[in-house]
Amino acid sequence: MKKDIMEILGILTGIFFVTIAIIVVGVWMLFNRIGNYVGHAEEDQIRYVEKYHGIQVEVIDNPGREPSSFGGMIFEDATVRTLDTEQVTIEITINVSGHISGDDYEEAKRRHDDKENEP
């Protein structure tokens, strides 16, 4: 009787660990798939700034995934510059899943204007 219970517990433990491994691998693949096509591509960043601010930009720095962070799960922010005469430098924030979550255009524009207006 005790041997049967131990065998059943061994089988259930094995099933539990296999299930957890499948879930972990699935989540990891989902994050990689999301990150590969949304937000961190240079075209996505250019389209984002054009859509939300109506200005043309070029990508200055786009490091992508940070290799030392949880197996490359975290993205570093990107830097773009406007193509007009002002050439304002904008930081684009990219969240953990690889989506663009915001930028600092208003603040960067204000800093640029303040710098130009200095005596």
PDB file of N, CA and C in Angstrom:
ATOM      1  N   MET A   1       0.821  -1.194   0.000  1.00  0.00           N
ATOM      2  CA  MET A   1       0.000   0.000   0.000  1.00  0.00           C
ATOM      3  C   MET A   1       0.868   1.263   0.000  1.00  0.00           C
ATOM      4  N   LYS A   2       1.869   1.303   0.888  1.00  0.00           N
ATOM      5  CA  LYS A   2       2.734   2.474   0.976  1.00  0.00           C
ATOM      6  C   LYS A   2       3.530   2.649  -0.317  1.00  0.00           C
ATOM      7  N   LYS A   3       3.936   1.552  -0.932  1.00  0.00           N
ATOM      8  CA  LYS A   3       4.683   1.608  -2.185  1.00  0.00           C
ATOM      9  C   LYS A   3       3.812   2.198  -3.297  1.00  0.00           C
ATOM     10  N   ASP A   4       2.546   1.855  -3.330  1.00  0.00           N
ATOM     11  CA  ASP A   4       1.621   2.384  -4.338  1.00  0.00           C
ATOM     12  C   ASP A   4       1.434   3.896  -4.179  1.00  0.00           C
ATOM     13  N   ILE A   5       1.318   4.344  -2.941  1.00  0.00           N
ATOM     14  CA  ILE A   5       1.159   5.776  -2.681  1.00  0.00           C
ATOM     15  C   ILE A   5       2.404   6.538  -3.123  1.00  0.00           C
ATOM     16  N   MET A   6       3.578   5.986  -2.846  1.00  0.00           N
ATOM     17  CA  MET A   6       4.823   6.633  -3.243  1.00  0.00           C
ATOM     18  C   MET A   6       4.936   6.704  -4.776  1.00  0.00           C
ATOM     19  N   GLU A   7       4.512   5.673  -5.470  1.00  0.00           N
ATOM     20  CA  GLU A   7       4.542   5.686  -6.934  1.00  0.00           C
ATOM     21  C   GLU A   7       3.591   6.746  -7.477  1.00  0.00           C
ATOM     22  N   ILE A   8       2.411   6.832  -6.897  1.00  0.00           N
ATOM     23  CA  ILE A   8       1.434   7.833  -7.346  1.00  0.00           C
ATOM     24  C   ILE A   8       1.962   9.245  -7.080  1.00  0.00           C
ATOM     25  N   LEU A   9       2.550   9.461  -5.909  1.00  0.00           N
ATOM     26  CA  LEU A   9       3.120  10.772  -5.604  1.00  0.00           C
ATOM     27  C   LEU A   9       4.271  11.106  -6.556  1.00  0.00           C
ATOM     28  N   GLY A  10       5.085  10.134  -6.891  1.00  0.00           N
ATOM     29  CA  GLY A  10       6.171  10.348  -7.852  1.00  0.00           C
ATOM     30  C   GLY A  10       5.643  10.740  -9.219  1.00  0.00           C
ATOM     31  N   ILE A  11       4.603  10.068  -9.666  1.00  0.00           N
ATOM     32  CA  ILE A  11       4.005  10.384 -10.975  1.00  0.00           C
ATOM     33  C   ILE A  11       3.391  11.779 -10.946  1.00  0.00           C
ATOM     34  N   LEU A  12       2.655  12.107  -9.886  1.00  0.00           N
ATOM     35  CA  LEU A  12       2.044  13.438  -9.779  1.00  0.00           C
ATOM     36  C   LEU A  12       3.100  14.537  -9.714  1.00  0.00           C
ATOM     37  N   THR A  13       4.191  14.305  -9.007  1.00  0.00           N
ATOM     38  CA  THR A  13       5.282  15.278  -8.938  1.00  0.00           C
ATOM     39  C   THR A  13       5.892  15.488 -10.313  1.00  0.00           C
ATOM     40  N   GLY A  14       6.097  14.411 -11.046  1.00  0.00           N
ATOM     41  CA  GLY A  14       6.629  14.513 -12.404  1.00  0.00           C
ATOM     42  C   GLY A  14       5.709  15.296 -13.312  1.00  0.00           C
ATOM     43  N   ILE A  15       4.421  15.031 -13.238  1.00  0.00           N
ATOM     44  CA  ILE A  15       3.431  15.754 -14.053  1.00  0.00           C
ATOM     45  C   ILE A  15       3.442  17.237 -13.682  1.00  0.00           C
ATOM     46  N   PHE A  16       3.534  17.535 -12.390  1.00  0.00           N
ATOM     47  CA  PHE A  16       3.568  18.919 -11.934  1.00  0.00           C
ATOM     48  C   PHE A  16       4.766  19.671 -12.535  1.00  0.00           C
ATOM     49  N   PHE A  17       5.947  19.074 -12.437  1.00  0.00           N
ATOM     50  CA  PHE A  17       7.148  19.740 -12.945  1.00  0.00           C
ATOM     51  C   PHE A  17       7.125  19.887 -14.466  1.00  0.00           C
ATOM     52  N   VAL A  18       6.598  18.903 -15.172  1.00  0.00           N
ATOM     53  CA  VAL A  18       6.484  19.006 -16.633  1.00  0.00           C
ATOM     54  C   VAL A  18       5.513  20.136 -16.997  1.00  0.00           C
ATOM     55  N   THR A  19       4.406  20.244 -16.274  1.00  0.00           N
ATOM     56  CA  THR A  19       3.427  21.299 -16.533  1.00  0.00           C
ATOM     57  C   THR A  19       4.041  22.674 -16.289  1.00  0.00           C
ATOM     58  N   ILE A  20       4.758  22.829 -15.188  1.00  0.00           N
ATOM     59  CA  ILE A  20       5.413  24.110 -14.891  1.00  0.00           C
ATOM     60  C   ILE A  20       6.431  24.448 -15.977  1.00  0.00           C
ATOM     61  N   ALA A  21       7.198  23.459 -16.422  1.00  0.00           N
ATOM     62  CA  ALA A  21       8.193  23.697 -17.477  1.00  0.00           C
ATOM     63  C   ALA A  21       7.521  24.141 -18.770  1.00  0.00           C
ATOM     64  N   ILE A  22       6.416  23.540 -19.127  1.00  0.00           N
ATOM     65  CA  ILE A  22       5.685  23.926 -20.347  1.00  0.00           C
ATOM     66  C   ILE A  22       5.178  25.363 -20.227  1.00  0.00           C
ATOM     67  N   ILE A  23       4.660  25.728 -19.075  1.00  0.00           N
ATOM     68  CA  ILE A  23       4.168  27.101 -18.870  1.00  0.00           C
ATOM     69  C   ILE A  23       5.308  28.101 -18.971  1.00  0.00           C
ATOM     70  N   VAL A  24       6.433  27.816 -18.335  1.00  0.00           N
ATOM     71  CA  VAL A  24       7.580  28.726 -18.374  1.00  0.00           C
ATOM     72  C   VAL A  24       8.079  28.905 -19.804  1.00  0.00           C
ATOM     73  N   VAL A  25       8.218  27.820 -20.537  1.00  0.00           N
ATOM     74  CA  VAL A  25       8.676  27.897 -21.929  1.00  0.00           C
ATOM     75  C   VAL A  25       7.671  28.669 -22.778  1.00  0.00           C
ATOM     76  N   GLY A  26       6.378  28.458 -22.549  1.00  0.00           N
ATOM     77  CA  GLY A  26       5.350  29.172 -23.299  1.00  0.00           C
ATOM     78  C   GLY A  26       5.385  30.668 -23.058  1.00  0.00           C
ATOM     79  N   VAL A  27       5.537  31.078 -21.811  1.00  0.00           N
ATOM     80  CA  VAL A  27       5.615  32.504 -21.484  1.00  0.00           C
ATOM     81  C   VAL A  27       6.864  33.113 -22.092  1.00  0.00           C
ATOM     82  N   TRP A  28       7.985  32.406 -21.996  1.00  0.00           N
ATOM     83  CA  TRP A  28       9.229  32.903 -22.578  1.00  0.00           C
ATOM     84  C   TRP A  28       9.091  33.093 -24.086  1.00  0.00           C
ATOM     85  N   MET A  29       8.473  32.130 -24.768  1.00  0.00           N
ATOM     86  CA  MET A  29       8.285  32.246 -26.217  1.00  0.00           C
ATOM     87  C   MET A  29       7.346  33.396 -26.549  1.00  0.00           C
ATOM     88  N   LEU A  30       6.310  33.602 -25.742  1.00  0.00           N
ATOM     89  CA  LEU A  30       5.374  34.704 -25.963  1.00  0.00           C
ATOM     90  C   LEU A  30       6.089  36.043 -25.864  1.00  0.00           C
ATOM     91  N   PHE A  31       6.903  36.235 -24.827  1.00  0.00           N
ATOM     92  CA  PHE A  31       7.641  37.489 -24.690  1.00  0.00           C
ATOM     93  C   PHE A  31       8.595  37.700 -25.851  1.00  0.00           C
ATOM     94  N   ASN A  32       9.259  36.664 -26.287  1.00  0.00           N
ATOM     95  CA  ASN A  32      10.172  36.806 -27.423  1.00  0.00           C
ATOM     96  C   ASN A  32       9.420  37.138 -28.694  1.00  0.00           C
ATOM     97  N   ARG A  33       8.283  36.528 -28.914  1.00  0.00           N
ATOM     98  CA  ARG A  33       7.511  36.787 -30.121  1.00  0.00           C
ATOM     99  C   ARG A  33       6.988  38.214 -30.118  1.00  0.00           C
ATOM    100  N   ILE A  34       6.469  38.665 -28.980  1.00  0.00           N
ATOM    101  CA  ILE A  34       5.974  40.048 -28.884  1.00  0.00           C
ATOM    102  C   ILE A  34       7.110  41.024 -29.140  1.00  0.00           C
ATOM    103  N   GLY A  35       8.243  40.806 -28.513  1.00  0.00           N
ATOM    104  CA  GLY A  35       9.369  41.719 -28.638  1.00  0.00           C
ATOM    105  C   GLY A  35       9.976  41.774 -30.016  1.00  0.00           C
ATOM    106  N   ASN A  36       9.759  40.745 -30.826  1.00  0.00           N
ATOM    107  CA  ASN A  36      10.387  40.716 -32.130  1.00  0.00           C
ATOM    108  C   ASN A  36       9.663  41.550 -33.176  1.00  0.00           C
ATOM    109  N   TYR A  37       8.447  41.978 -32.924  1.00  0.00           N
ATOM    110  CA  TYR A  37       7.776  42.744 -33.963  1.00  0.00           C
ATOM    111  C   TYR A  37       7.116  44.025 -33.493  1.00  0.00           C
ATOM    112  N   VAL A  38       7.173  44.355 -32.253  1.00  0.00           N
ATOM    113  CA  VAL A  38       6.480  45.545 -31.774  1.00  0.00           C
ATOM    114  C   VAL A  38       7.436  46.431 -30.988  1.00  0.00           C
ATOM    115  N   GLY A  39       7.472  47.721 -31.341  1.00  0.00           N
ATOM    116  CA  GLY A  39       8.102  48.713 -30.489  1.00  0.00           C
ATOM    117  C   GLY A  39       9.577  48.954 -30.664  1.00  0.00           C
ATOM    118  N   HIS A  40      10.382  47.924 -30.625  1.00  0.00           N
ATOM    119  CA  HIS A  40      11.811  48.202 -30.629  1.00  0.00           C
ATOM    120  C   HIS A  40      12.398  48.275 -32.028  1.00  0.00           C
ATOM    121  N   ALA A  41      11.637  47.957 -33.060  1.00  0.00           N
ATOM    122  CA  ALA A  41      12.127  48.120 -34.423  1.00  0.00           C
ATOM    123  C   ALA A  41      12.172  49.609 -34.766  1.00  0.00           C
ATOM    124  N   GLU A  42      13.183  50.005 -35.510  1.00  0.00           N
ATOM    125  CA  GLU A  42      13.350  51.424 -35.835  1.00  0.00           C
ATOM    126  C   GLU A  42      12.145  51.975 -36.588  1.00  0.00           C
ATOM    127  N   GLU A  43      11.549  51.182 -37.465  1.00  0.00           N
ATOM    128  CA  GLU A  43      10.378  51.636 -38.219  1.00  0.00           C
ATOM    129  C   GLU A  43       9.213  51.928 -37.281  1.00  0.00           C
ATOM    130  N   ASP A  44       9.045  51.094 -36.235  1.00  0.00           N
ATOM    131  CA  ASP A  44       7.975  51.318 -35.263  1.00  0.00           C
ATOM    132  C   ASP A  44       8.184  52.636 -34.508  1.00  0.00           C
ATOM    133  N   GLN A  45       9.420  52.926 -34.160  1.00  0.00           N
ATOM    134  CA  GLN A  45       9.717  54.160 -33.435  1.00  0.00           C
ATOM    135  C   GLN A  45       9.459  55.383 -34.306  1.00  0.00           C
ATOM    136  N   ILE A  46       9.858  55.312 -35.562  1.00  0.00           N
ATOM    137  CA  ILE A  46       9.623  56.432 -36.490  1.00  0.00           C
ATOM    138  C   ILE A  46       8.132  56.648 -36.682  1.00  0.00           C
ATOM    139  N   ARG A  47       7.368  55.561 -36.909  1.00  0.00           N
ATOM    140  CA  ARG A  47       5.912  55.668 -37.083  1.00  0.00           C
ATOM    141  C   ARG A  47       5.244  56.210 -35.821  1.00  0.00           C
ATOM    142  N   TYR A  48       5.730  55.793 -34.651  1.00  0.00           N
ATOM    143  CA  TYR A  48       5.161  56.259 -33.388  1.00  0.00           C
ATOM    144  C   TYR A  48       5.280  57.773 -33.266  1.00  0.00           C
ATOM    145  N   VAL A  49       6.473  58.310 -33.495  1.00  0.00           N
ATOM    146  CA  VAL A  49       6.677  59.758 -33.354  1.00  0.00           C
ATOM    147  C   VAL A  49       5.881  60.511 -34.413  1.00  0.00           C
ATOM    148  N   GLU A  50       5.830  59.992 -35.628  1.00  0.00           N
ATOM    149  CA  GLU A  50       5.035  60.649 -36.671  1.00  0.00           C
ATOM    150  C   GLU A  50       3.555  60.667 -36.297  1.00  0.00           C
ATOM    151  N   LYS A  51       3.057  59.559 -35.744  1.00  0.00           N
ATOM    152  CA  LYS A  51       1.639  59.462 -35.409  1.00  0.00           C
ATOM    153  C   LYS A  51       1.264  60.375 -34.241  1.00  0.00           C
ATOM    154  N   TYR A  52       2.065  60.371 -33.175  1.00  0.00           N
ATOM    155  CA  TYR A  52       1.692  61.099 -31.966  1.00  0.00           C
ATOM    156  C   TYR A  52       2.166  62.543 -31.925  1.00  0.00           C
ATOM    157  N   HIS A  53       3.184  62.881 -32.710  1.00  0.00           N
ATOM    158  CA  HIS A  53       3.699  64.251 -32.663  1.00  0.00           C
ATOM    159  C   HIS A  53       3.737  64.923 -34.030  1.00  0.00           C
ATOM    160  N   GLY A  54       3.528  64.169 -35.103  1.00  0.00           N
ATOM    161  CA  GLY A  54       3.482  64.743 -36.438  1.00  0.00           C
ATOM    162  C   GLY A  54       4.807  65.286 -36.936  1.00  0.00           C
ATOM    163  N   ILE A  55       5.905  64.701 -36.497  1.00  0.00           N
ATOM    164  CA  ILE A  55       7.223  65.170 -36.924  1.00  0.00           C
ATOM    165  C   ILE A  55       8.039  64.006 -37.489  1.00  0.00           C
ATOM    166  N   GLN A  56       8.952  64.346 -38.381  1.00  0.00           N
ATOM    167  CA  GLN A  56       9.856  63.365 -38.971  1.00  0.00           C
ATOM    168  C   GLN A  56      11.081  63.222 -38.072  1.00  0.00           C
ATOM    169  N   VAL A  57      11.512  61.974 -37.854  1.00  0.00           N
ATOM    170  CA  VAL A  57      12.681  61.723 -37.012  1.00  0.00           C
ATOM    171  C   VAL A  57      13.581  60.685 -37.664  1.00  0.00           C
ATOM    172  N   GLU A  58      14.813  60.633 -37.149  1.00  0.00           N
ATOM    173  CA  GLU A  58      15.743  59.567 -37.500  1.00  0.00           C
ATOM    174  C   GLU A  58      16.174  58.900 -36.202  1.00  0.00           C
ATOM    175  N   VAL A  59      16.452  57.594 -36.266  1.00  0.00           N
ATOM    176  CA  VAL A  59      16.863  56.860 -35.080  1.00  0.00           C
ATOM    177  C   VAL A  59      18.359  57.073 -34.868  1.00  0.00           C
ATOM    178  N   ILE A  60      18.725  57.526 -33.689  1.00  0.00           N
ATOM    179  CA  ILE A  60      20.119  57.768 -33.337  1.00  0.00           C
ATOM    180  C   ILE A  60      20.708  56.553 -32.631  1.00  0.00           C
ATOM    181  N   ASP A  61      19.951  56.003 -31.672  1.00  0.00           N
ATOM    182  CA  ASP A  61      20.435  54.880 -30.885  1.00  0.00           C
ATOM    183  C   ASP A  61      19.268  53.959 -30.559  1.00  0.00           C
ATOM    184  N   ASN A  62      19.422  52.680 -30.870  1.00  0.00           N
ATOM    185  CA  ASN A  62      18.398  51.695 -30.594  1.00  0.00           C
ATOM    186  C   ASN A  62      19.074  50.402 -30.142  1.00  0.00           C
ATOM    187  N   PRO A  63      19.470  50.330 -28.861  1.00  0.00           N
ATOM    188  CA  PRO A  63      20.226  49.169 -28.398  1.00  0.00           C
ATOM    189  C   PRO A  63      19.435  47.874 -28.330  1.00  0.00           C
ATOM    190  N   GLY A  64      18.106  47.948 -28.297  1.00  0.00           N
ATOM    191  CA  GLY A  64      17.300  46.727 -28.249  1.00  0.00           C
ATOM    192  C   GLY A  64      17.315  46.086 -26.872  1.00  0.00           C
ATOM    193  N   ARG A  65      17.434  44.762 -26.865  1.00  0.00           N
ATOM    194  CA  ARG A  65      17.395  44.019 -25.605  1.00  0.00           C
ATOM    195  C   ARG A  65      18.670  44.242 -24.793  1.00  0.00           C
ATOM    196  N   GLU A  66      18.484  44.312 -23.493  1.00  0.00           N
ATOM    197  CA  GLU A  66      19.619  44.410 -22.576  1.00  0.00           C
ATOM    198  C   GLU A  66      20.037  42.986 -22.229  1.00  0.00           C
ATOM    199  N   PRO A  67      21.181  42.519 -22.734  1.00  0.00           N
ATOM    200  CA  PRO A  67      21.539  41.104 -22.587  1.00  0.00           C
ATOM    201  C   PRO A  67      21.725  40.636 -21.145  1.00  0.00           C
ATOM    202  N   SER A  68      22.064  41.514 -20.249  1.00  0.00           N
ATOM    203  CA  SER A  68      22.320  41.097 -18.866  1.00  0.00           C
ATOM    204  C   SER A  68      21.067  41.106 -17.997  1.00  0.00           C
ATOM    205  N   SER A  69      19.897  41.314 -18.587  1.00  0.00           N
ATOM    206  CA  SER A  69      18.676  41.446 -17.803  1.00  0.00           C
ATOM    207  C   SER A  69      17.751  40.255 -18.000  1.00  0.00           C
ATOM    208  N   PHE A  70      17.692  39.384 -17.067  1.00  0.00           N
ATOM    209  CA  PHE A  70      16.758  38.256 -17.093  1.00  0.00           C
ATOM    210  C   PHE A  70      16.766  37.533 -18.432  1.00  0.00           C
ATOM    211  N   GLY A  71      17.916  37.268 -18.965  1.00  0.00           N
ATOM    212  CA  GLY A  71      18.003  36.563 -20.241  1.00  0.00           C
ATOM    213  C   GLY A  71      17.605  37.421 -21.424  1.00  0.00           C
ATOM    214  N   GLY A  72      17.763  38.729 -21.327  1.00  0.00           N
ATOM    215  CA  GLY A  72      17.428  39.613 -22.435  1.00  0.00           C
ATOM    216  C   GLY A  72      15.963  39.968 -22.518  1.00  0.00           C
ATOM    217  N   MET A  73      15.252  39.917 -21.408  1.00  0.00           N
ATOM    218  CA  MET A  73      13.819  40.203 -21.417  1.00  0.00           C
ATOM    219  C   MET A  73      13.513  41.701 -21.355  1.00  0.00           C
ATOM    220  N   ILE A  74      14.464  42.524 -20.933  1.00  0.00           N
ATOM    221  CA  ILE A  74      14.220  43.960 -20.793  1.00  0.00           C
ATOM    222  C   ILE A  74      14.836  44.703 -21.974  1.00  0.00           C
ATOM    223  N   PHE A  75      14.087  45.673 -22.494  1.00  0.00           N
ATOM    224  CA  PHE A  75      14.554  46.488 -23.608  1.00  0.00           C
ATOM    225  C   PHE A  75      15.102  47.806 -23.085  1.00  0.00           C
ATOM    226  N   GLU A  76      16.162  48.273 -23.717  1.00  0.00           N
ATOM    227  CA  GLU A  76      16.688  49.596 -23.379  1.00  0.00           C
ATOM    228  C   GLU A  76      15.935  50.636 -24.208  1.00  0.00           C
ATOM    229  N   ASP A  77      15.856  51.854 -23.696  1.00  0.00           N
ATOM    230  CA  ASP A  77      15.162  52.926 -24.401  1.00  0.00           C
ATOM    231  C   ASP A  77      15.923  53.322 -25.662  1.00  0.00           C
ATOM    232  N   ALA A  78      15.177  53.841 -26.626  1.00  0.00           N
ATOM    233  CA  ALA A  78      15.767  54.271 -27.895  1.00  0.00           C
ATOM    234  C   ALA A  78      15.848  55.794 -27.930  1.00  0.00           C
ATOM    235  N   THR A  79      16.733  56.308 -28.777  1.00  0.00           N
ATOM    236  CA  THR A  79      16.902  57.745 -28.938  1.00  0.00           C
ATOM    237  C   THR A  79      16.695  58.105 -30.403  1.00  0.00           C
ATOM    238  N   VAL A  80      15.846  59.111 -30.641  1.00  0.00           N
ATOM    239  CA  VAL A  80      15.615  59.608 -32.005  1.00  0.00           C
ATOM    240  C   VAL A  80      15.860  61.114 -32.020  1.00  0.00           C
ATOM    241  N   ARG A  81      16.065  61.663 -33.224  1.00  0.00           N
ATOM    242  CA  ARG A  81      16.293  63.101 -33.377  1.00  0.00           C
ATOM    243  C   ARG A  81      15.394  63.609 -34.493  1.00  0.00           C
ATOM    244  N   THR A  82      14.815  64.783 -34.274  1.00  0.00           N
ATOM    245  CA  THR A  82      13.950  65.359 -35.302  1.00  0.00           C
ATOM    246  C   THR A  82      14.778  65.765 -36.514  1.00  0.00           C
ATOM    247  N   LEU A  83      14.156  65.735 -37.687  1.00  0.00           N
ATOM    248  CA  LEU A  83      14.858  66.074 -38.926  1.00  0.00           C
ATOM    249  C   LEU A  83      14.696  67.539 -39.316  1.00  0.00           C
ATOM    250  N   ASP A  84      14.022  68.323 -38.472  1.00  0.00           N
ATOM    251  CA  ASP A  84      13.868  69.752 -38.773  1.00  0.00           C
ATOM    252  C   ASP A  84      15.130  70.505 -38.362  1.00  0.00           C
ATOM    253  N   THR A  85      15.086  71.811 -38.451  1.00  0.00           N
ATOM    254  CA  THR A  85      16.270  72.612 -38.137  1.00  0.00           C
ATOM    255  C   THR A  85      16.606  72.610 -36.655  1.00  0.00           C
ATOM    256  N   GLU A  86      15.620  72.329 -35.796  1.00  0.00           N
ATOM    257  CA  GLU A  86      15.866  72.332 -34.352  1.00  0.00           C
ATOM    258  C   GLU A  86      16.640  71.094 -33.889  1.00  0.00           C
ATOM    259  N   GLN A  87      16.446  69.962 -34.518  1.00  0.00           N
ATOM    260  CA  GLN A  87      17.085  68.697 -34.174  1.00  0.00           C
ATOM    261  C   GLN A  87      16.976  68.372 -32.686  1.00  0.00           C
ATOM    262  N   VAL A  88      15.742  68.257 -32.219  1.00  0.00           N
ATOM    263  CA  VAL A  88      15.461  67.904 -30.825  1.00  0.00           C
ATOM    264  C   VAL A  88      15.701  66.403 -30.646  1.00  0.00           C
ATOM    265  N   THR A  89      16.415  66.032 -29.589  1.00  0.00           N
ATOM    266  CA  THR A  89      16.682  64.629 -29.289  1.00  0.00           C
ATOM    267  C   THR A  89      15.614  64.111 -28.329  1.00  0.00           C
ATOM    268  N   ILE A  90      14.974  62.999 -28.702  1.00  0.00           N
ATOM    269  CA  ILE A  90      13.846  62.445 -27.951  1.00  0.00           C
ATOM    270  C   ILE A  90      14.198  61.038 -27.488  1.00  0.00           C
ATOM    271  N   GLU A  91      13.861  60.728 -26.235  1.00  0.00           N
ATOM    272  CA  GLU A  91      14.013  59.371 -25.702  1.00  0.00           C
ATOM    273  C   GLU A  91      12.667  58.661 -25.816  1.00  0.00           C
ATOM    274  N   ILE A  92      12.651  57.474 -26.404  1.00  0.00           N
ATOM    275  CA  ILE A  92      11.441  56.669 -26.513  1.00  0.00           C
ATOM    276  C   ILE A  92      11.553  55.531 -25.508  1.00  0.00           C
ATOM    277  N   THR A  93      10.546  55.414 -24.641  1.00  0.00           N
ATOM    278  CA  THR A  93      10.540  54.386 -23.608  1.00  0.00           C
ATOM    279  C   THR A  93       9.919  53.105 -24.157  1.00  0.00           C
ATOM    280  N   ILE A  94      10.629  51.988 -23.973  1.00  0.00           N
ATOM    281  CA  ILE A  94      10.145  50.682 -24.428  1.00  0.00           C
ATOM    282  C   ILE A  94       9.988  49.807 -23.189  1.00  0.00           C
ATOM    283  N   ASN A  95       8.778  49.237 -23.005  1.00  0.00           N
ATOM    284  CA  ASN A  95       8.531  48.463 -21.793  1.00  0.00           C
ATOM    285  C   ASN A  95       9.034  47.029 -21.917  1.00  0.00           C
ATOM    286  N   VAL A  96       8.795  46.228 -20.896  1.00  0.00           N
ATOM    287  CA  VAL A  96       9.332  44.874 -20.815  1.00  0.00           C
ATOM    288  C   VAL A  96       8.861  43.998 -21.968  1.00  0.00           C
ATOM    289  N   SER A  97       7.640  44.178 -22.419  1.00  0.00           N
ATOM    290  CA  SER A  97       7.127  43.328 -23.493  1.00  0.00           C
ATOM    291  C   SER A  97       7.535  43.825 -24.877  1.00  0.00           C
ATOM    292  N   GLY A  98       8.323  44.890 -24.959  1.00  0.00           N
ATOM    293  CA  GLY A  98       8.804  45.377 -26.247  1.00  0.00           C
ATOM    294  C   GLY A  98       7.916  46.413 -26.893  1.00  0.00           C
ATOM    295  N   HIS A  99       6.892  46.869 -26.209  1.00  0.00           N
ATOM    296  CA  HIS A  99       6.001  47.893 -26.741  1.00  0.00           C
ATOM    297  C   HIS A  99       6.496  49.284 -26.355  1.00  0.00           C
ATOM    298  N   ILE A 100       6.254  50.243 -27.226  1.00  0.00           N
ATOM    299  CA  ILE A 100       6.566  51.630 -26.896  1.00  0.00           C
ATOM    300  C   ILE A 100       5.536  52.111 -25.882  1.00  0.00           C
ATOM    301  N   SER A 101       6.024  52.630 -24.755  1.00  0.00           N
ATOM    302  CA  SER A 101       5.098  53.064 -23.710  1.00  0.00           C
ATOM    303  C   SER A 101       5.100  54.575 -23.501  1.00  0.00           C
ATOM    304  N   GLY A 102       5.917  55.300 -24.243  1.00  0.00           N
ATOM    305  CA  GLY A 102       5.909  56.747 -24.101  1.00  0.00           C
ATOM    306  C   GLY A 102       7.190  57.373 -24.610  1.00  0.00           C
ATOM    307  N   ASP A 103       7.272  58.694 -24.448  1.00  0.00           N
ATOM    308  CA  ASP A 103       8.463  59.433 -24.872  1.00  0.00           C
ATOM    309  C   ASP A 103       8.553  60.712 -24.060  1.00  0.00           C
ATOM    310  N   ASP A 104       9.637  61.442 -24.261  1.00  0.00           N
ATOM    311  CA  ASP A 104       9.825  62.696 -23.525  1.00  0.00           C
ATOM    312  C   ASP A 104       9.865  63.890 -24.478  1.00  0.00           C
ATOM    313  N   TYR A 105       9.061  63.860 -25.531  1.00  0.00           N
ATOM    314  CA  TYR A 105       9.114  64.913 -26.545  1.00  0.00           C
ATOM    315  C   TYR A 105       8.838  66.297 -25.966  1.00  0.00           C
ATOM    316  N   GLU A 106       7.752  66.425 -25.180  1.00  0.00           N
ATOM    317  CA  GLU A 106       7.409  67.752 -24.652  1.00  0.00           C
ATOM    318  C   GLU A 106       8.540  68.299 -23.784  1.00  0.00           C
ATOM    319  N   GLU A 107       9.086  67.452 -22.926  1.00  0.00           N
ATOM    320  CA  GLU A 107      10.183  67.886 -22.061  1.00  0.00           C
ATOM    321  C   GLU A 107      11.438  68.213 -22.877  1.00  0.00           C
ATOM    322  N   ALA A 108      11.754  67.394 -23.859  1.00  0.00           N
ATOM    323  CA  ALA A 108      12.936  67.636 -24.696  1.00  0.00           C
ATOM    324  C   ALA A 108      12.766  68.925 -25.500  1.00  0.00           C
ATOM    325  N   LYS A 109      11.565  69.161 -26.011  1.00  0.00           N
ATOM    326  CA  LYS A 109      11.284  70.382 -26.772  1.00  0.00           C
ATOM    327  C   LYS A 109      11.422  71.602 -25.869  1.00  0.00           C
ATOM    328  N   ARG A 110      10.900  71.500 -24.641  1.00  0.00           N
ATOM    329  CA  ARG A 110      10.997  72.606 -23.693  1.00  0.00           C
ATOM    330  C   ARG A 110      12.459  72.894 -23.341  1.00  0.00           C
ATOM    331  N   ARG A 111      13.251  71.837 -23.097  1.00  0.00           N
ATOM    332  CA  ARG A 111      14.680  72.033 -22.802  1.00  0.00           C
ATOM    333  C   ARG A 111      15.389  72.695 -23.976  1.00  0.00           C
ATOM    334  N   HIS A 112      15.056  72.262 -25.184  1.00  0.00           N
ATOM    335  CA  HIS A 112      15.684  72.826 -26.380  1.00  0.00           C
ATOM    336  C   HIS A 112      15.329  74.298 -26.529  1.00  0.00           C
ATOM    337  N   ASP A 113      14.051  74.634 -26.328  1.00  0.00           N
ATOM    338  CA  ASP A 113      13.615  76.031 -26.445  1.00  0.00           C
ATOM    339  C   ASP A 113      14.240  76.905 -25.366  1.00  0.00           C
ATOM    340  N   ASP A 114      14.342  76.371 -24.143  1.00  0.00           N
ATOM    341  CA  ASP A 114      14.990  77.132 -23.060  1.00  0.00           C
ATOM    342  C   ASP A 114      16.453  77.372 -23.370  1.00  0.00           C
ATOM    343  N   LYS A 115      17.099  76.402 -23.934  1.00  0.00           N
ATOM    344  CA  LYS A 115      18.522  76.527 -24.280  1.00  0.00           C
ATOM    345  C   LYS A 115      18.728  77.580 -25.360  1.00  0.00           C
ATOM    346  N   GLU A 116      17.820  77.619 -26.338  1.00  0.00           N
ATOM    347  CA  GLU A 116      17.919  78.606 -27.410  1.00  0.00           C
ATOM    348  C   GLU A 116      17.655  80.018 -26.911  1.00  0.00           C
ATOM    349  N   ASN A 117      16.800  80.152 -25.905  1.00  0.00           N
ATOM    350  CA  ASN A 117      16.407  81.477 -25.396  1.00  0.00           C
ATOM    351  C   ASN A 117      17.348  82.004 -24.327  1.00  0.00           C
ATOM    352  N   GLU A 118      18.365  81.249 -23.959  1.00  0.00           N
ATOM    353  CA  GLU A 118      19.334  81.739 -22.991  1.00  0.00           C
ATOM    354  C   GLU A 118      20.118  82.911 -23.571  1.00  0.00           C
ATOM    355  N   PRO A 119      20.426  83.888 -22.717  1.00  0.00           N
ATOM    356  CA  PRO A 119      21.163  85.062 -23.220  1.00  0.00           C
ATOM    357  C   PRO A 119      22.603  84.755 -23.538  1.00  0.00           C
TER     358      PRO A 119
END
